[in-house]
C-alpha atoms as a PDB file:
ATOM      1  CA  MET A   1      76.660 101.084 -44.874  1.00  0.00           C
ATOM      2  CA  GLY A   2      74.478  98.082 -43.769  1.00  0.00           C
ATOM      3  CA  ALA A   3      74.180  97.130 -47.375  1.00  0.00           C
ATOM      4  CA  LEU A   4      77.944  97.057 -47.750  1.00  0.00           C
ATOM      5  CA  LEU A   5      78.264  94.681 -44.287  1.00  0.00           C
ATOM      6  CA  HIS A   6      76.069  92.624 -45.724  1.00  0.00           C
ATOM      7  CA  LEU A   7      78.320  91.246 -47.886  1.00  0.00           C
ATOM      8  CA  ALA A   8      80.566  90.260 -44.966  1.00  0.00           C
ATOM      9  CA  VAL A   9      78.697  89.271 -42.435  1.00  0.00           C
ATOM     10  CA  HIS A  10      75.670  87.769 -43.715  1.00  0.00           C
ATOM     11  CA  SER A  11      73.574  87.484 -40.356  1.00  0.00           C
ATOM     12  CA  ILE A  12      69.192  87.372 -40.301  1.00  0.00           C
ATOM     13  CA  TRP A  13      69.834  90.152 -37.507  1.00  0.00           C
ATOM     14  CA  LEU A  14      71.933  92.610 -39.609  1.00  0.00           C
ATOM     15  CA  SER A  15      68.516  91.990 -42.280  1.00  0.00           C
ATOM     16  CA  VAL A  16      66.729  92.666 -39.516  1.00  0.00           C
ATOM     17  CA  ILE A  17      68.447  96.221 -38.522  1.00  0.00           C
ATOM     18  CA  THR A  18      68.533  97.697 -41.986  1.00  0.00           C
ATOM     19  CA  THR A  19      65.195  97.414 -42.450  1.00  0.00           C
ATOM     20  CA  PHE A  20      63.813  98.125 -39.383  1.00  0.00           C
ATOM     21  CA  PHE A  21      65.058 101.742 -38.600  1.00  0.00           C
ATOM     22  CA  PRO A  22      64.849 103.257 -41.297  1.00  0.00           C
ATOM     23  CA  ALA A  23      60.451 102.339 -41.673  1.00  0.00           C
ATOM     24  CA  LEU A  24      60.674 103.662 -38.541  1.00  0.00           C
ATOM     25  CA  GLY A  25      61.635 106.570 -39.005  1.00  0.00           C
ATOM     26  CA  ALA A  26      59.716 106.801 -42.167  1.00  0.00           C
ATOM     27  CA  SER A  27      56.747 105.987 -40.560  1.00  0.00           C
ATOM     28  CA  LEU A  28      57.418 108.743 -37.365  1.00  0.00           C
ATOM     29  CA  HIS A  29      58.633 110.751 -40.345  1.00  0.00           C
ATOM     30  CA  GLY A  30      55.018 110.027 -42.244  1.00  0.00           C
ATOM     31  CA  ALA A  31      52.979 110.122 -38.836  1.00  0.00           C
ATOM     32  CA  ILE A  32      54.462 113.962 -38.420  1.00  0.00           C
ATOM     33  CA  ALA A  33      54.021 115.409 -41.532  1.00  0.00           C
ATOM     34  CA  GLN A  34      49.861 113.714 -41.474  1.00  0.00           C
ATOM     35  CA  SER A  35      49.775 115.212 -37.944  1.00  0.00           C
ATOM     36  CA  GLU A  36      50.714 118.706 -39.539  1.00  0.00           C
ATOM     37  CA  ALA A  37      48.135 118.814 -42.410  1.00  0.00           C
ATOM     38  CA  HIS A  38      45.444 118.010 -40.180  1.00  0.00           C
ATOM     39  CA  ARG A  39      46.565 121.075 -38.745  1.00  0.00           C
ATOM     40  CA  LEU A  40      46.698 123.429 -41.160  1.00  0.00           C
ATOM     41  CA  GLY A  41      43.697 122.001 -42.680  1.00  0.00           C
ATOM     42  CA  THR A  42      42.021 123.426 -39.624  1.00  0.00           C
ATOM     43  CA  THR A  43      43.499 125.568 -39.401  1.00  0.00           C
ATOM     44  CA  SER A  44      43.360 127.361 -43.395  1.00  0.00           C
ATOM     45  CA  GLU A  45      38.803 126.454 -41.918  1.00  0.00           C
ATOM     46  CA  GLY A  46      39.227 128.797 -39.488  1.00  0.00           C
ATOM     47  CA  LEU A  47      41.659 131.992 -41.252  1.00  0.00           C
ATOM     48  CA  VAL A  48      38.211 130.822 -43.735  1.00  0.00           C
ATOM     49  CA  GLY A  49      35.292 131.711 -41.794  1.00  0.00           C
ATOM     50  CA  ARG A  50      36.956 134.447 -40.114  1.00  0.00           C
ATOM     51  CA  LEU A  51      37.845 136.153 -43.719  1.00  0.00           C
ATOM     52  CA  GLU A  52      34.488 135.513 -44.907  1.00  0.00           C
ATOM     53  CA  GLY A  53      33.181 137.460 -41.966  1.00  0.00           C
ATOM     54  CA  ALA A  54      35.142 140.308 -42.762  1.00  0.00           C
ATOM     55  CA  ILE A  55      34.164 140.521 -46.358  1.00  0.00           C
ATOM     56  CA  ASP A  56      31.162 140.921 -44.803  1.00  0.00           C
ATOM     57  CA  ARG A  57      32.079 144.069 -42.606  1.00  0.00           C
ATOM     58  CA  VAL A  58      33.734 145.441 -45.337  1.00  0.00           C
ATOM     59  CA  ARG A  59      30.331 145.054 -47.690  1.00  0.00           C
ATOM     60  CA  ALA A  60      28.255 146.299 -45.513  1.00  0.00           C
ATOM     61  CA  ALA A  61      30.761 149.354 -44.360  1.00  0.00           C
ATOM     62  CA  THR A  62      31.013 149.993 -47.773  1.00  0.00           C
ATOM     63  CA  ARG A  63      27.222 150.253 -48.332  1.00  0.00           C
ATOM     64  CA  ALA A  64      27.334 152.204 -45.195  1.00  0.00           C
ATOM     65  CA  SER A  65      29.744 154.367 -46.835  1.00  0.00           C
ATOM     66  CA  ALA A  66      28.125 154.867 -50.448  1.00  0.00           C
ATOM     67  CA  SER A  67      24.885 156.075 -48.442  1.00  0.00           C
ATOM     68  CA  GLY A  68      26.476 157.950 -45.230  1.00  0.00           C
ATOM     69  CA  GLY A  69      29.580 159.147 -46.759  1.00  0.00           C
ATOM     70  CA  GLU A  70      31.209 158.053 -43.429  1.00  0.00           C
ATOM     71  CA  VAL A  71      35.058 156.006 -44.686  1.00  0.00           C
ATOM     72  CA  ALA A  72      35.876 155.166 -40.135  1.00  0.00           C
ATOM     73  CA  PRO A  73      33.982 152.082 -40.369  1.00  0.00           C
ATOM     74  CA  LEU A  74      35.724 151.575 -43.767  1.00  0.00           C
ATOM     75  CA  LYS A  75      38.244 152.190 -43.060  1.00  0.00           C
ATOM     76  CA  VAL A  76      38.684 150.072 -40.115  1.00  0.00           C
ATOM     77  CA  SER A  77      37.094 146.965 -40.965  1.00  0.00           C
ATOM     78  CA  ILE A  78      39.931 146.513 -44.256  1.00  0.00           C
ATOM     79  CA  ARG A  79      42.590 147.039 -41.390  1.00  0.00           C
ATOM     80  CA  HIS A  80      41.261 143.836 -39.890  1.00  0.00           C
ATOM     81  CA  ALA A  81      40.385 141.874 -43.222  1.00  0.00           C
ATOM     82  CA  ILE A  82      44.223 143.338 -43.747  1.00  0.00           C
ATOM     83  CA  ALA A  83      44.822 141.766 -40.284  1.00  0.00           C
ATOM     84  CA  LEU A  84      43.499 138.128 -39.897  1.00  0.00           C
ATOM     85  CA  ILE A  85      45.542 137.522 -43.106  1.00  0.00           C
ATOM     86  CA  LEU A  86      49.265 139.136 -41.792  1.00  0.00           C
ATOM     87  CA  GLU A  87      48.427 137.668 -38.671  1.00  0.00           C
ATOM     88  CA  GLU A  88      47.765 133.599 -41.173  1.00  0.00           C
ATOM     89  CA  HIS A  89      51.605 135.169 -43.147  1.00  0.00           C
ATOM     90  CA  LYS A  90      53.441 135.470 -39.414  1.00  0.00           C
ATOM     91  CA  ASP A  91      52.332 132.169 -38.608  1.00  0.00           C
ATOM     92  CA  TRP A  92      53.167 130.316 -41.403  1.00  0.00           C
ATOM     93  CA  TYR A  93      56.690 132.115 -42.011  1.00  0.00           C
ATOM     94  CA  LEU A  94      57.543 130.976 -38.499  1.00  0.00           C
ATOM     95  CA  LEU A  95      56.787 127.890 -40.011  1.00  0.00           C
ATOM     96  CA  VAL A  96      58.483 127.079 -42.816  1.00  0.00           C
ATOM     97  CA  GLN A  97      61.399 130.222 -41.415  1.00  0.00           C
ATOM     98  CA  PRO A  98      63.483 126.431 -39.943  1.00  0.00           C
ATOM     99  CA  HIS A  99      63.458 124.700 -42.466  1.00  0.00           C
ATOM    100  CA  ARG A 100      65.818 127.480 -44.556  1.00  0.00           C
ATOM    101  CA  LEU A 101      63.625 127.071 -47.701  1.00  0.00           C
ATOM    102  CA  HIS A 102      65.387 129.680 -50.343  1.00  0.00           C
ATOM    103  CA  LEU A 103      62.027 130.920 -51.790  1.00  0.00           C
ATOM    104  CA  ALA A 104      61.570 133.089 -54.724  1.00  0.00           C
END
């Protein structure tokens, strides 16, 4: 629209407006995207630590189950690991849902 208007009206202000606002919008979008990437990185690092702890608990429960025959602690540790994964999936789904992406 601004380019068509510029064909009829040769004004420095028109040039400034048609370059400033798109650049402002792009820079604000970039700042928001960078903030979201930082948040996702922090969340992912936390999840890695929690999943490593869950893996250690599953391995310890597996060894205890193999030596003692008790499977209840193993089931609890596996359920805890699955809960961590599902919690992360729920957070991801809530983040993506408003964008109405058609995922295959």
